């Protein structure tokens, strides 16, 4: 039984699951919109919103807190180009928003295997 076990397994080993989430989040922040399955979107949505919150809150912190926030996000994503985009472009857009940075729009089933497809995107104000 999986009582009180958080997260989605996505039918993968732990290493493959970590790599999938990291790659999906990198693509999401780079393009600000991705087309994926509903289960994968649900798996990364909360963590993506948390990363935006970390970046947004670090803008008011000291220099040490800004460095710590970038390192924390770097440990989850590992790509400096994407991290720069998050902290310099995405986070200032949501400075006055208290959450709900992403939107999931349903597209319908995929033709090959009938997986429910969605678009995960950043909310524009």
PDB file of N, CA and C in Angstrom:
ATOM      1  N   UNK A   1       0.837  -1.189   0.000  1.00  0.00           N
ATOM      2  CA  UNK A   1       0.000   0.000   0.000  1.00  0.00           C
ATOM      3  C   UNK A   1       0.872   1.239   0.000  1.00  0.00           C
ATOM      4  N   UNK A   2       0.412   2.292  -0.645  1.00  0.00           N
ATOM      5  CA  UNK A   2       1.188   3.525  -0.770  1.00  0.00           C
ATOM      6  C   UNK A   2       0.574   4.651   0.051  1.00  0.00           C
ATOM      7  N   UNK A   3       0.184   4.385   1.267  1.00  0.00           N
ATOM      8  CA  UNK A   3      -0.427   5.419   2.091  1.00  0.00           C
ATOM      9  C   UNK A   3       0.564   6.541   2.352  1.00  0.00           C
ATOM     10  N   UNK A   4       0.141   7.766   2.175  1.00  0.00           N
ATOM     11  CA  UNK A   4       0.919   8.964   2.473  1.00  0.00           C
ATOM     12  C   UNK A   4       2.240   9.030   1.716  1.00  0.00           C
ATOM     13  N   UNK A   5       2.291   8.492   0.510  1.00  0.00           N
ATOM     14  CA  UNK A   5       3.476   8.574  -0.327  1.00  0.00           C
ATOM     15  C   UNK A   5       3.183   9.576  -1.426  1.00  0.00           C
ATOM     16  N   UNK A   6       3.922  10.681  -1.434  1.00  0.00           N
ATOM     17  CA  UNK A   6       3.644  11.761  -2.367  1.00  0.00           C
ATOM     18  C   UNK A   6       4.312  11.507  -3.712  1.00  0.00           C
ATOM     19  N   UNK A   7       3.814  12.137  -4.751  1.00  0.00           N
ATOM     20  CA  UNK A   7       4.430  12.085  -6.070  1.00  0.00           C
ATOM     21  C   UNK A   7       3.827  11.028  -6.962  1.00  0.00           C
ATOM     22  N   UNK A   8       4.167  11.127  -8.239  1.00  0.00           N
ATOM     23  CA  UNK A   8       3.691  10.197  -9.253  1.00  0.00           C
ATOM     24  C   UNK A   8       4.836   9.313  -9.698  1.00  0.00           C
ATOM     25  N   UNK A   9       4.596   8.003  -9.829  1.00  0.00           N
ATOM     26  CA  UNK A   9       5.642   7.091 -10.263  1.00  0.00           C
ATOM     27  C   UNK A   9       5.845   7.128 -11.773  1.00  0.00           C
ATOM     28  N   UNK A  10       4.798   7.376 -12.532  1.00  0.00           N
ATOM     29  CA  UNK A  10       4.848   7.482 -13.987  1.00  0.00           C
ATOM     30  C   UNK A  10       5.437   6.239 -14.662  1.00  0.00           C
ATOM     31  N   UNK A  11       5.326   5.097 -13.994  1.00  0.00           N
ATOM     32  CA  UNK A  11       5.758   3.807 -14.542  1.00  0.00           C
ATOM     33  C   UNK A  11       7.230   3.816 -14.938  1.00  0.00           C
ATOM     34  N   UNK A  12       8.084   4.441 -14.095  1.00  0.00           N
ATOM     35  CA  UNK A  12       9.508   4.537 -14.374  1.00  0.00           C
ATOM     36  C   UNK A  12      10.302   4.239 -13.109  1.00  0.00           C
ATOM     37  N   UNK A  13      11.569   3.907 -13.301  1.00  0.00           N
ATOM     38  CA  UNK A  13      12.464   3.763 -12.158  1.00  0.00           C
ATOM     39  C   UNK A  13      12.747   5.151 -11.589  1.00  0.00           C
ATOM     40  N   UNK A  14      13.332   5.201 -10.411  1.00  0.00           N
ATOM     41  CA  UNK A  14      13.527   6.501  -9.761  1.00  0.00           C
ATOM     42  C   UNK A  14      14.462   7.398 -10.560  1.00  0.00           C
ATOM     43  N   UNK A  15      15.512   6.858 -11.139  1.00  0.00           N
ATOM     44  CA  UNK A  15      16.432   7.665 -11.941  1.00  0.00           C
ATOM     45  C   UNK A  15      15.782   8.201 -13.195  1.00  0.00           C
ATOM     46  N   UNK A  16      15.016   7.366 -13.864  1.00  0.00           N
ATOM     47  CA  UNK A  16      14.321   7.802 -15.075  1.00  0.00           C
ATOM     48  C   UNK A  16      13.248   8.830 -14.749  1.00  0.00           C
ATOM     49  N   UNK A  17      12.614   8.673 -13.598  1.00  0.00           N
ATOM     50  CA  UNK A  17      11.575   9.616 -13.169  1.00  0.00           C
ATOM     51  C   UNK A  17      12.181  10.981 -12.869  1.00  0.00           C
ATOM     52  N   UNK A  18      13.326  11.011 -12.198  1.00  0.00           N
ATOM     53  CA  UNK A  18      14.001  12.269 -11.891  1.00  0.00           C
ATOM     54  C   UNK A  18      14.436  12.954 -13.180  1.00  0.00           C
ATOM     55  N   UNK A  19      14.983  12.191 -14.111  1.00  0.00           N
ATOM     56  CA  UNK A  19      15.425  12.765 -15.390  1.00  0.00           C
ATOM     57  C   UNK A  19      14.243  13.297 -16.192  1.00  0.00           C
ATOM     58  N   UNK A  20      13.142  12.569 -16.198  1.00  0.00           N
ATOM     59  CA  UNK A  20      11.951  13.019 -16.920  1.00  0.00           C
ATOM     60  C   UNK A  20      11.428  14.331 -16.350  1.00  0.00           C
ATOM     61  N   UNK A  21      11.306  14.408 -15.032  1.00  0.00           N
ATOM     62  CA  UNK A  21      10.818  15.644 -14.406  1.00  0.00           C
ATOM     63  C   UNK A  21      11.756  16.810 -14.671  1.00  0.00           C
ATOM     64  N   UNK A  22      13.052  16.566 -14.577  1.00  0.00           N
ATOM     65  CA  UNK A  22      14.025  17.637 -14.812  1.00  0.00           C
ATOM     66  C   UNK A  22      13.939  18.127 -16.254  1.00  0.00           C
ATOM     67  N   UNK A  23      13.860  17.224 -17.212  1.00  0.00           N
ATOM     68  CA  UNK A  23      13.780  17.623 -18.616  1.00  0.00           C
ATOM     69  C   UNK A  23      12.464  18.327 -18.932  1.00  0.00           C
ATOM     70  N   UNK A  24      11.358  17.839 -18.376  1.00  0.00           N
ATOM     71  CA  UNK A  24      10.073  18.500 -18.611  1.00  0.00           C
ATOM     72  C   UNK A  24      10.063  19.917 -18.036  1.00  0.00           C
ATOM     73  N   UNK A  25      10.630  20.078 -16.844  1.00  0.00           N
ATOM     74  CA  UNK A  25      10.639  21.414 -16.255  1.00  0.00           C
ATOM     75  C   UNK A  25      11.566  22.356 -17.010  1.00  0.00           C
ATOM     76  N   UNK A  26      12.705  21.852 -17.477  1.00  0.00           N
ATOM     77  CA  UNK A  26      13.590  22.702 -18.282  1.00  0.00           C
ATOM     78  C   UNK A  26      12.891  23.172 -19.544  1.00  0.00           C
ATOM     79  N   UNK A  27      12.215  22.254 -20.235  1.00  0.00           N
ATOM     80  CA  UNK A  27      11.493  22.622 -21.448  1.00  0.00           C
ATOM     81  C   UNK A  27      10.341  23.580 -21.142  1.00  0.00           C
ATOM     82  N   UNK A  28       9.675  23.353 -20.020  1.00  0.00           N
ATOM     83  CA  UNK A  28       8.563  24.224 -19.634  1.00  0.00           C
ATOM     84  C   UNK A  28       9.042  25.649 -19.394  1.00  0.00           C
ATOM     85  N   UNK A  29      10.129  25.808 -18.656  1.00  0.00           N
ATOM     86  CA  UNK A  29      10.619  27.154 -18.368  1.00  0.00           C
ATOM     87  C   UNK A  29      11.268  27.799 -19.589  1.00  0.00           C
ATOM     88  N   UNK A  30      11.842  26.998 -20.453  1.00  0.00           N
ATOM     89  CA  UNK A  30      12.474  27.549 -21.650  1.00  0.00           C
ATOM     90  C   UNK A  30      11.436  28.061 -22.645  1.00  0.00           C
ATOM     91  N   UNK A  31      10.392  27.277 -22.881  1.00  0.00           N
ATOM     92  CA  UNK A  31       9.386  27.636 -23.881  1.00  0.00           C
ATOM     93  C   UNK A  31       8.140  28.277 -23.275  1.00  0.00           C
ATOM     94  N   UNK A  32       7.987  28.189 -21.959  1.00  0.00           N
ATOM     95  CA  UNK A  32       6.856  28.717 -21.203  1.00  0.00           C
ATOM     96  C   UNK A  32       5.534  28.056 -21.573  1.00  0.00           C
ATOM     97  N   UNK A  33       5.594  26.963 -22.288  1.00  0.00           N
ATOM     98  CA  UNK A  33       4.399  26.189 -22.653  1.00  0.00           C
ATOM     99  C   UNK A  33       4.872  24.841 -23.201  1.00  0.00           C
ATOM    100  N   UNK A  34       4.262  23.757 -22.707  1.00  0.00           N
ATOM    101  CA  UNK A  34       4.585  22.439 -23.252  1.00  0.00           C
ATOM    102  C   UNK A  34       3.307  21.649 -23.452  1.00  0.00           C
ATOM    103  N   UNK A  35       3.367  20.729 -24.384  1.00  0.00           N
ATOM    104  CA  UNK A  35       2.259  19.813 -24.666  1.00  0.00           C
ATOM    105  C   UNK A  35       2.693  18.439 -24.186  1.00  0.00           C
ATOM    106  N   UNK A  36       1.965  17.899 -23.220  1.00  0.00           N
ATOM    107  CA  UNK A  36       2.355  16.632 -22.612  1.00  0.00           C
ATOM    108  C   UNK A  36       1.105  15.905 -22.127  1.00  0.00           C
ATOM    109  N   UNK A  37       1.301  14.754 -21.495  1.00  0.00           N
ATOM    110  CA  UNK A  37       0.159  14.017 -20.962  1.00  0.00           C
ATOM    111  C   UNK A  37      -0.283  14.650 -19.648  1.00  0.00           C
ATOM    112  N   UNK A  38      -1.511  14.360 -19.272  1.00  0.00           N
ATOM    113  CA  UNK A  38      -2.073  14.931 -18.049  1.00  0.00           C
ATOM    114  C   UNK A  38      -1.291  14.480 -16.822  1.00  0.00           C
ATOM    115  N   UNK A  39      -0.875  13.229 -16.778  1.00  0.00           N
ATOM    116  CA  UNK A  39      -0.151  12.708 -15.622  1.00  0.00           C
ATOM    117  C   UNK A  39       1.213  13.382 -15.474  1.00  0.00           C
ATOM    118  N   UNK A  40       1.914  13.589 -16.578  1.00  0.00           N
ATOM    119  CA  UNK A  40       3.223  14.246 -16.513  1.00  0.00           C
ATOM    120  C   UNK A  40       3.077  15.707 -16.127  1.00  0.00           C
ATOM    121  N   UNK A  41       2.039  16.369 -16.632  1.00  0.00           N
ATOM    122  CA  UNK A  41       1.800  17.770 -16.267  1.00  0.00           C
ATOM    123  C   UNK A  41       1.490  17.886 -14.781  1.00  0.00           C
ATOM    124  N   UNK A  42       0.699  16.973 -14.257  1.00  0.00           N
ATOM    125  CA  UNK A  42       0.374  16.995 -12.836  1.00  0.00           C
ATOM    126  C   UNK A  42       1.610  16.719 -11.989  1.00  0.00           C
ATOM    127  N   UNK A  43       2.535  15.901 -12.519  1.00  0.00           N
ATOM    128  CA  UNK A  43       3.737  15.551 -11.768  1.00  0.00           C
ATOM    129  C   UNK A  43       4.696  16.726 -11.633  1.00  0.00           C
ATOM    130  N   UNK A  44       4.741  17.630 -12.618  1.00  0.00           N
ATOM    131  CA  UNK A  44       5.706  18.724 -12.555  1.00  0.00           C
ATOM    132  C   UNK A  44       5.087  20.063 -12.170  1.00  0.00           C
ATOM    133  N   UNK A  45       3.774  20.174 -12.192  1.00  0.00           N
ATOM    134  CA  UNK A  45       3.135  21.469 -11.988  1.00  0.00           C
ATOM    135  C   UNK A  45       3.457  22.068 -10.617  1.00  0.00           C
ATOM    136  N   UNK A  46       3.333  21.298  -9.570  1.00  0.00           N
ATOM    137  CA  UNK A  46       3.580  21.814  -8.228  1.00  0.00           C
ATOM    138  C   UNK A  46       5.019  22.230  -8.022  1.00  0.00           C
ATOM    139  N   UNK A  47       5.952  21.444  -8.530  1.00  0.00           N
ATOM    140  CA  UNK A  47       7.364  21.772  -8.368  1.00  0.00           C
ATOM    141  C   UNK A  47       7.738  22.998  -9.202  1.00  0.00           C
ATOM    142  N   UNK A  48       7.136  23.137 -10.376  1.00  0.00           N
ATOM    143  CA  UNK A  48       7.399  24.312 -11.214  1.00  0.00           C
ATOM    144  C   UNK A  48       6.893  25.579 -10.526  1.00  0.00           C
ATOM    145  N   UNK A  49       5.719  25.504  -9.925  1.00  0.00           N
ATOM    146  CA  UNK A  49       5.195  26.670  -9.210  1.00  0.00           C
ATOM    147  C   UNK A  49       6.061  27.002  -8.003  1.00  0.00           C
ATOM    148  N   UNK A  50       6.578  25.985  -7.337  1.00  0.00           N
ATOM    149  CA  UNK A  50       7.449  26.210  -6.182  1.00  0.00           C
ATOM    150  C   UNK A  50       8.741  26.906  -6.617  1.00  0.00           C
ATOM    151  N   UNK A  51       9.293  26.525  -7.758  1.00  0.00           N
ATOM    152  CA  UNK A  51      10.514  27.157  -8.269  1.00  0.00           C
ATOM    153  C   UNK A  51      10.256  28.626  -8.586  1.00  0.00           C
ATOM    154  N   UNK A  52       9.113  28.926  -9.181  1.00  0.00           N
ATOM    155  CA  UNK A  52       8.782  30.323  -9.477  1.00  0.00           C
ATOM    156  C   UNK A  52       8.640  31.119  -8.178  1.00  0.00           C
ATOM    157  N   UNK A  53       8.040  30.521  -7.161  1.00  0.00           N
ATOM    158  CA  UNK A  53       7.892  31.193  -5.873  1.00  0.00           C
ATOM    159  C   UNK A  53       9.248  31.470  -5.244  1.00  0.00           C
ATOM    160  N   UNK A  54      10.163  30.525  -5.319  1.00  0.00           N
ATOM    161  CA  UNK A  54      11.514  30.736  -4.783  1.00  0.00           C
ATOM    162  C   UNK A  54      12.177  31.905  -5.498  1.00  0.00           C
ATOM    163  N   UNK A  55      12.066  31.941  -6.818  1.00  0.00           N
ATOM    164  CA  UNK A  55      12.682  33.019  -7.596  1.00  0.00           C
ATOM    165  C   UNK A  55      12.027  34.359  -7.286  1.00  0.00           C
ATOM    166  N   UNK A  56      10.717  34.366  -7.136  1.00  0.00           N
ATOM    167  CA  UNK A  56       9.982  35.599  -6.867  1.00  0.00           C
ATOM    168  C   UNK A  56      10.334  36.155  -5.490  1.00  0.00           C
ATOM    169  N   UNK A  57      10.429  35.295  -4.495  1.00  0.00           N
ATOM    170  CA  UNK A  57      10.725  35.740  -3.134  1.00  0.00           C
ATOM    171  C   UNK A  57      12.184  36.152  -2.957  1.00  0.00           C
ATOM    172  N   UNK A  58      13.075  35.633  -3.780  1.00  0.00           N
ATOM    173  CA  UNK A  58      14.490  35.975  -3.633  1.00  0.00           C
ATOM    174  C   UNK A  58      14.784  37.388  -4.114  1.00  0.00           C
ATOM    175  N   UNK A  59      13.896  37.990  -4.879  1.00  0.00           N
ATOM    176  CA  UNK A  59      14.130  39.342  -5.391  1.00  0.00           C
ATOM    177  C   UNK A  59      14.241  40.354  -4.258  1.00  0.00           C
ATOM    178  N   UNK A  60      13.569  40.122  -3.149  1.00  0.00           N
ATOM    179  CA  UNK A  60      13.590  41.054  -2.019  1.00  0.00           C
ATOM    180  C   UNK A  60      14.636  40.697  -0.975  1.00  0.00           C
ATOM    181  N   UNK A  61      15.401  39.614  -1.201  1.00  0.00           N
ATOM    182  CA  UNK A  61      16.354  39.160  -0.203  1.00  0.00           C
ATOM    183  C   UNK A  61      17.713  39.790  -0.357  1.00  0.00           C
ATOM    184  N   UNK A  62      18.604  39.433   0.567  1.00  0.00           N
ATOM    185  CA  UNK A  62      19.978  39.905   0.501  1.00  0.00           C
ATOM    186  C   UNK A  62      20.722  39.164  -0.604  1.00  0.00           C
ATOM    187  N   UNK A  63      21.976  39.566  -0.825  1.00  0.00           N
ATOM    188  CA  UNK A  63      22.767  38.915  -1.873  1.00  0.00           C
ATOM    189  C   UNK A  63      22.984  37.437  -1.564  1.00  0.00           C
ATOM    190  N   UNK A  64      23.201  37.118  -0.290  1.00  0.00           N
ATOM    191  CA  UNK A  64      23.398  35.718   0.093  1.00  0.00           C
ATOM    192  C   UNK A  64      22.133  34.902  -0.144  1.00  0.00           C
ATOM    193  N   UNK A  65      20.972  35.485   0.127  1.00  0.00           N
ATOM    194  CA  UNK A  65      19.712  34.781  -0.106  1.00  0.00           C
ATOM    195  C   UNK A  65      19.452  34.592  -1.592  1.00  0.00           C
ATOM    196  N   UNK A  66      19.850  35.559  -2.416  1.00  0.00           N
ATOM    197  CA  UNK A  66      19.693  35.419  -3.868  1.00  0.00           C
ATOM    198  C   UNK A  66      20.562  34.293  -4.405  1.00  0.00           C
ATOM    199  N   UNK A  67      21.798  34.206  -3.915  1.00  0.00           N
ATOM    200  CA  UNK A  67      22.698  33.132  -4.337  1.00  0.00           C
ATOM    201  C   UNK A  67      22.159  31.782  -3.878  1.00  0.00           C
ATOM    202  N   UNK A  68      21.664  31.731  -2.650  1.00  0.00           N
ATOM    203  CA  UNK A  68      21.119  30.483  -2.116  1.00  0.00           C
ATOM    204  C   UNK A  68      19.913  30.031  -2.920  1.00  0.00           C
ATOM    205  N   UNK A  69      19.065  30.979  -3.326  1.00  0.00           N
ATOM    206  CA  UNK A  69      17.887  30.624  -4.111  1.00  0.00           C
ATOM    207  C   UNK A  69      18.300  30.085  -5.484  1.00  0.00           C
ATOM    208  N   UNK A  70      19.280  30.714  -6.116  1.00  0.00           N
ATOM    209  CA  UNK A  70      19.752  30.230  -7.423  1.00  0.00           C
ATOM    210  C   UNK A  70      20.358  28.843  -7.300  1.00  0.00           C
ATOM    211  N   UNK A  71      21.086  28.601  -6.226  1.00  0.00           N
ATOM    212  CA  UNK A  71      21.692  27.274  -6.029  1.00  0.00           C
ATOM    213  C   UNK A  71      20.632  26.216  -5.767  1.00  0.00           C
ATOM    214  N   UNK A  72      19.597  26.584  -5.035  1.00  0.00           N
ATOM    215  CA  UNK A  72      18.509  25.646  -4.771  1.00  0.00           C
ATOM    216  C   UNK A  72      17.808  25.253  -6.064  1.00  0.00           C
ATOM    217  N   UNK A  73      17.530  26.237  -6.912  1.00  0.00           N
ATOM    218  CA  UNK A  73      16.884  25.955  -8.198  1.00  0.00           C
ATOM    219  C   UNK A  73      17.838  25.192  -9.104  1.00  0.00           C
ATOM    220  N   UNK A  74      19.133  25.511  -9.048  1.00  0.00           N
ATOM    221  CA  UNK A  74      20.117  24.807  -9.869  1.00  0.00           C
ATOM    222  C   UNK A  74      20.204  23.334  -9.488  1.00  0.00           C
ATOM    223  N   UNK A  75      19.993  23.028  -8.214  1.00  0.00           N
ATOM    224  CA  UNK A  75      20.034  21.629  -7.792  1.00  0.00           C
ATOM    225  C   UNK A  75      18.855  20.837  -8.356  1.00  0.00           C
ATOM    226  N   UNK A  76      17.765  21.541  -8.667  1.00  0.00           N
ATOM    227  CA  UNK A  76      16.596  20.857  -9.216  1.00  0.00           C
ATOM    228  C   UNK A  76      16.617  20.814 -10.739  1.00  0.00           C
ATOM    229  N   UNK A  77      17.220  21.818 -11.386  1.00  0.00           N
ATOM    230  CA  UNK A  77      17.197  21.902 -12.844  1.00  0.00           C
ATOM    231  C   UNK A  77      18.556  21.645 -13.478  1.00  0.00           C
ATOM    232  N   UNK A  78      19.606  22.227 -12.930  1.00  0.00           N
ATOM    233  CA  UNK A  78      20.948  21.968 -13.415  1.00  0.00           C
ATOM    234  C   UNK A  78      21.345  22.667 -14.700  1.00  0.00           C
ATOM    235  N   UNK A  79      20.616  23.666 -15.148  1.00  0.00           N
ATOM    236  CA  UNK A  79      20.941  24.358 -16.392  1.00  0.00           C
ATOM    237  C   UNK A  79      20.971  25.862 -16.124  1.00  0.00           C
ATOM    238  N   UNK A  80      22.151  26.471 -16.243  1.00  0.00           N
ATOM    239  CA  UNK A  80      22.301  27.884 -15.893  1.00  0.00           C
ATOM    240  C   UNK A  80      21.520  28.813 -16.810  1.00  0.00           C
ATOM    241  N   UNK A  81      21.376  28.453 -18.082  1.00  0.00           N
ATOM    242  CA  UNK A  81      20.639  29.301 -19.019  1.00  0.00           C
ATOM    243  C   UNK A  81      19.166  29.382 -18.626  1.00  0.00           C
ATOM    244  N   UNK A  82      18.582  28.266 -18.245  1.00  0.00           N
ATOM    245  CA  UNK A  82      17.179  28.236 -17.817  1.00  0.00           C
ATOM    246  C   UNK A  82      17.004  28.960 -16.485  1.00  0.00           C
ATOM    247  N   UNK A  83      17.961  28.799 -15.587  1.00  0.00           N
ATOM    248  CA  UNK A  83      17.883  29.460 -14.285  1.00  0.00           C
ATOM    249  C   UNK A  83      17.921  30.975 -14.456  1.00  0.00           C
ATOM    250  N   UNK A  84      18.784  31.452 -15.334  1.00  0.00           N
ATOM    251  CA  UNK A  84      18.853  32.893 -15.610  1.00  0.00           C
ATOM    252  C   UNK A  84      17.520  33.392 -16.164  1.00  0.00           C
ATOM    253  N   UNK A  85      16.900  32.605 -17.051  1.00  0.00           N
ATOM    254  CA  UNK A  85      15.604  32.980 -17.629  1.00  0.00           C
ATOM    255  C   UNK A  85      14.523  33.040 -16.540  1.00  0.00           C
ATOM    256  N   UNK A  86      14.542  32.091 -15.615  1.00  0.00           N
ATOM    257  CA  UNK A  86      13.548  32.066 -14.540  1.00  0.00           C
ATOM    258  C   UNK A  86      13.689  33.300 -13.652  1.00  0.00           C
ATOM    259  N   UNK A  87      14.911  33.586 -13.206  1.00  0.00           N
ATOM    260  CA  UNK A  87      15.119  34.669 -12.247  1.00  0.00           C
ATOM    261  C   UNK A  87      15.028  36.053 -12.892  1.00  0.00           C
ATOM    262  N   UNK A  88      15.419  36.182 -14.151  1.00  0.00           N
ATOM    263  CA  UNK A  88      15.447  37.499 -14.785  1.00  0.00           C
ATOM    264  C   UNK A  88      14.171  37.843 -15.548  1.00  0.00           C
ATOM    265  N   UNK A  89      13.496  36.848 -16.120  1.00  0.00           N
ATOM    266  CA  UNK A  89      12.335  37.119 -16.966  1.00  0.00           C
ATOM    267  C   UNK A  89      11.011  36.666 -16.361  1.00  0.00           C
ATOM    268  N   UNK A  90      10.961  35.442 -15.864  1.00  0.00           N
ATOM    269  CA  UNK A  90       9.693  34.866 -15.415  1.00  0.00           C
ATOM    270  C   UNK A  90       9.277  35.395 -14.037  1.00  0.00           C
ATOM    271  N   UNK A  91      10.182  35.358 -13.064  1.00  0.00           N
ATOM    272  CA  UNK A  91       9.827  35.749 -11.691  1.00  0.00           C
ATOM    273  C   UNK A  91       9.348  37.198 -11.576  1.00  0.00           C
ATOM    274  N   UNK A  92       9.964  38.178 -12.247  1.00  0.00           N
ATOM    275  CA  UNK A  92       9.449  39.551 -12.126  1.00  0.00           C
ATOM    276  C   UNK A  92       8.027  39.721 -12.657  1.00  0.00           C
ATOM    277  N   UNK A  93       7.625  38.894 -13.602  1.00  0.00           N
ATOM    278  CA  UNK A  93       6.257  38.969 -14.129  1.00  0.00           C
ATOM    279  C   UNK A  93       5.216  38.627 -13.075  1.00  0.00           C
ATOM    280  N   UNK A  94       5.594  37.775 -12.119  1.00  0.00           N
ATOM    281  CA  UNK A  94       4.650  37.303 -11.108  1.00  0.00           C
ATOM    282  C   UNK A  94       4.914  37.930  -9.742  1.00  0.00           C
ATOM    283  N   UNK A  95       5.534  39.105  -9.716  1.00  0.00           N
ATOM    284  CA  UNK A  95       5.885  39.748  -8.451  1.00  0.00           C
ATOM    285  C   UNK A  95       4.655  40.081  -7.615  1.00  0.00           C
ATOM    286  N   UNK A  96       3.537  40.386  -8.249  1.00  0.00           N
ATOM    287  CA  UNK A  96       2.329  40.769  -7.519  1.00  0.00           C
ATOM    288  C   UNK A  96       1.297  39.655  -7.458  1.00  0.00           C
ATOM    289  N   UNK A  97       1.679  38.446  -7.828  1.00  0.00           N
ATOM    290  CA  UNK A  97       0.747  37.320  -7.837  1.00  0.00           C
ATOM    291  C   UNK A  97       1.127  36.352  -6.716  1.00  0.00           C
ATOM    292  N   UNK A  98       0.153  35.890  -5.956  1.00  0.00           N
ATOM    293  CA  UNK A  98       0.423  35.050  -4.793  1.00  0.00           C
ATOM    294  C   UNK A  98       0.403  33.557  -5.087  1.00  0.00           C
ATOM    295  N   UNK A  99       0.374  33.166  -6.307  1.00  0.00           N
ATOM    296  CA  UNK A  99       0.369  31.754  -6.668  1.00  0.00           C
ATOM    297  C   UNK A  99      -0.463  31.547  -7.906  1.00  0.00           C
ATOM    298  N   UNK A 100      -0.601  30.321  -8.331  1.00  0.00           N
ATOM    299  CA  UNK A 100      -1.382  30.023  -9.523  1.00  0.00           C
ATOM    300  C   UNK A 100      -0.703  30.542 -10.773  1.00  0.00           C
ATOM    301  N   UNK A 101       0.586  30.190 -10.939  1.00  0.00           N
ATOM    302  CA  UNK A 101       1.351  30.696 -12.062  1.00  0.00           C
ATOM    303  C   UNK A 101       1.149  29.878 -13.336  1.00  0.00           C
ATOM    304  N   UNK A 102       0.577  28.686 -13.206  1.00  0.00           N
ATOM    305  CA  UNK A 102       0.442  27.798 -14.365  1.00  0.00           C
ATOM    306  C   UNK A 102      -1.018  27.509 -14.663  1.00  0.00           C
ATOM    307  N   UNK A 103      -1.254  27.084 -15.889  1.00  0.00           N
ATOM    308  CA  UNK A 103      -2.602  26.730 -16.349  1.00  0.00           C
ATOM    309  C   UNK A 103      -2.487  25.424 -17.123  1.00  0.00           C
ATOM    310  N   UNK A 104      -3.477  24.555 -16.953  1.00  0.00           N
ATOM    311  CA  UNK A 104      -3.541  23.294 -17.698  1.00  0.00           C
ATOM    312  C   UNK A 104      -4.799  23.316 -18.561  1.00  0.00           C
ATOM    313  N   UNK A 105      -4.613  23.202 -19.862  1.00  0.00           N
ATOM    314  CA  UNK A 105      -5.746  23.170 -20.785  1.00  0.00           C
ATOM    315  C   UNK A 105      -5.798  21.794 -21.448  1.00  0.00           C
ATOM    316  N   UNK A 106      -6.972  21.169 -21.398  1.00  0.00           N
ATOM    317  CA  UNK A 106      -7.124  19.834 -21.964  1.00  0.00           C
ATOM    318  C   UNK A 106      -7.222  19.905 -23.486  1.00  0.00           C
ATOM    319  N   UNK A 107      -6.587  18.931 -24.154  1.00  0.00           N
ATOM    320  CA  UNK A 107      -6.615  18.867 -25.611  1.00  0.00           C
ATOM    321  C   UNK A 107      -7.412  17.681 -26.135  1.00  0.00           C
ATOM    322  N   UNK A 108      -7.597  16.677 -25.313  1.00  0.00           N
ATOM    323  CA  UNK A 108      -8.276  15.472 -25.761  1.00  0.00           C
ATOM    324  C   UNK A 108      -7.286  14.327 -25.863  1.00  0.00           C
ATOM    325  N   UNK A 109      -7.746  13.160 -26.287  1.00  0.00           N
ATOM    326  CA  UNK A 109      -6.871  11.987 -26.326  1.00  0.00           C
ATOM    327  C   UNK A 109      -5.887  12.015 -27.490  1.00  0.00           C
ATOM    328  N   UNK A 110      -4.713  11.441 -27.242  1.00  0.00           N
ATOM    329  CA  UNK A 110      -3.695  11.275 -28.280  1.00  0.00           C
ATOM    330  C   UNK A 110      -4.115  10.129 -29.183  1.00  0.00           C
ATOM    331  N   UNK A 111      -3.856  10.249 -30.476  1.00  0.00           N
ATOM    332  CA  UNK A 111      -4.330   9.250 -31.434  1.00  0.00           C
ATOM    333  C   UNK A 111      -3.698   7.881 -31.231  1.00  0.00           C
ATOM    334  N   UNK A 112      -2.429   7.816 -30.915  1.00  0.00           N
ATOM    335  CA  UNK A 112      -1.760   6.530 -30.833  1.00  0.00           C
ATOM    336  C   UNK A 112      -2.225   5.646 -29.704  1.00  0.00           C
ATOM    337  N   UNK A 113      -2.330   6.196 -28.493  1.00  0.00           N
ATOM    338  CA  UNK A 113      -2.637   5.363 -27.335  1.00  0.00           C
ATOM    339  C   UNK A 113      -3.760   5.927 -26.464  1.00  0.00           C
ATOM    340  N   UNK A 114      -4.445   6.942 -26.932  1.00  0.00           N
ATOM    341  CA  UNK A 114      -5.560   7.566 -26.219  1.00  0.00           C
ATOM    342  C   UNK A 114      -5.173   8.152 -24.875  1.00  0.00           C
ATOM    343  N   UNK A 115      -3.898   8.537 -24.715  1.00  0.00           N
ATOM    344  CA  UNK A 115      -3.485   9.219 -23.489  1.00  0.00           C
ATOM    345  C   UNK A 115      -4.067  10.633 -23.499  1.00  0.00           C
ATOM    346  N   UNK A 116      -4.559  11.082 -22.360  1.00  0.00           N
ATOM    347  CA  UNK A 116      -5.150  12.416 -22.255  1.00  0.00           C
ATOM    348  C   UNK A 116      -4.047  13.468 -22.375  1.00  0.00           C
ATOM    349  N   UNK A 117      -4.113  14.305 -23.391  1.00  0.00           N
ATOM    350  CA  UNK A 117      -3.095  15.315 -23.648  1.00  0.00           C
ATOM    351  C   UNK A 117      -3.557  16.669 -23.126  1.00  0.00           C
ATOM    352  N   UNK A 118      -2.585  17.460 -22.630  1.00  0.00           N
ATOM    353  CA  UNK A 118      -2.866  18.793 -22.105  1.00  0.00           C
ATOM    354  C   UNK A 118      -1.759  19.747 -22.539  1.00  0.00           C
ATOM    355  N   UNK A 119      -2.052  21.037 -22.422  1.00  0.00           N
ATOM    356  CA  UNK A 119      -1.030  22.062 -22.577  1.00  0.00           C
ATOM    357  C   UNK A 119      -0.824  22.681 -21.198  1.00  0.00           C
ATOM    358  N   UNK A 120       0.423  22.652 -20.736  1.00  0.00           N
ATOM    359  CA  UNK A 120       0.797  23.293 -19.477  1.00  0.00           C
ATOM    360  C   UNK A 120       1.512  24.580 -19.839  1.00  0.00           C
ATOM    361  N   UNK A 121       0.987  25.711 -19.366  1.00  0.00           N
ATOM    362  CA  UNK A 121       1.572  26.994 -19.737  1.00  0.00           C
ATOM    363  C   UNK A 121       1.583  27.952 -18.564  1.00  0.00           C
ATOM    364  N   UNK A 122       2.417  28.970 -18.682  1.00  0.00           N
ATOM    365  CA  UNK A 122       2.441  30.022 -17.680  1.00  0.00           C
ATOM    366  C   UNK A 122       1.273  30.960 -17.918  1.00  0.00           C
ATOM    367  N   UNK A 123       0.688  31.449 -16.841  1.00  0.00           N
ATOM    368  CA  UNK A 123      -0.443  32.354 -16.922  1.00  0.00           C
ATOM    369  C   UNK A 123       0.083  33.742 -17.288  1.00  0.00           C
ATOM    370  N   UNK A 124      -0.547  34.385 -18.243  1.00  0.00           N
ATOM    371  CA  UNK A 124      -0.198  35.759 -18.603  1.00  0.00           C
ATOM    372  C   UNK A 124      -1.149  36.702 -17.879  1.00  0.00           C
ATOM    373  N   UNK A 125      -0.620  37.779 -17.355  1.00  0.00           N
ATOM    374  CA  UNK A 125      -1.477  38.696 -16.604  1.00  0.00           C
ATOM    375  C   UNK A 125      -2.050  39.766 -17.490  1.00  0.00           C
TER     376      UNK A 125
END
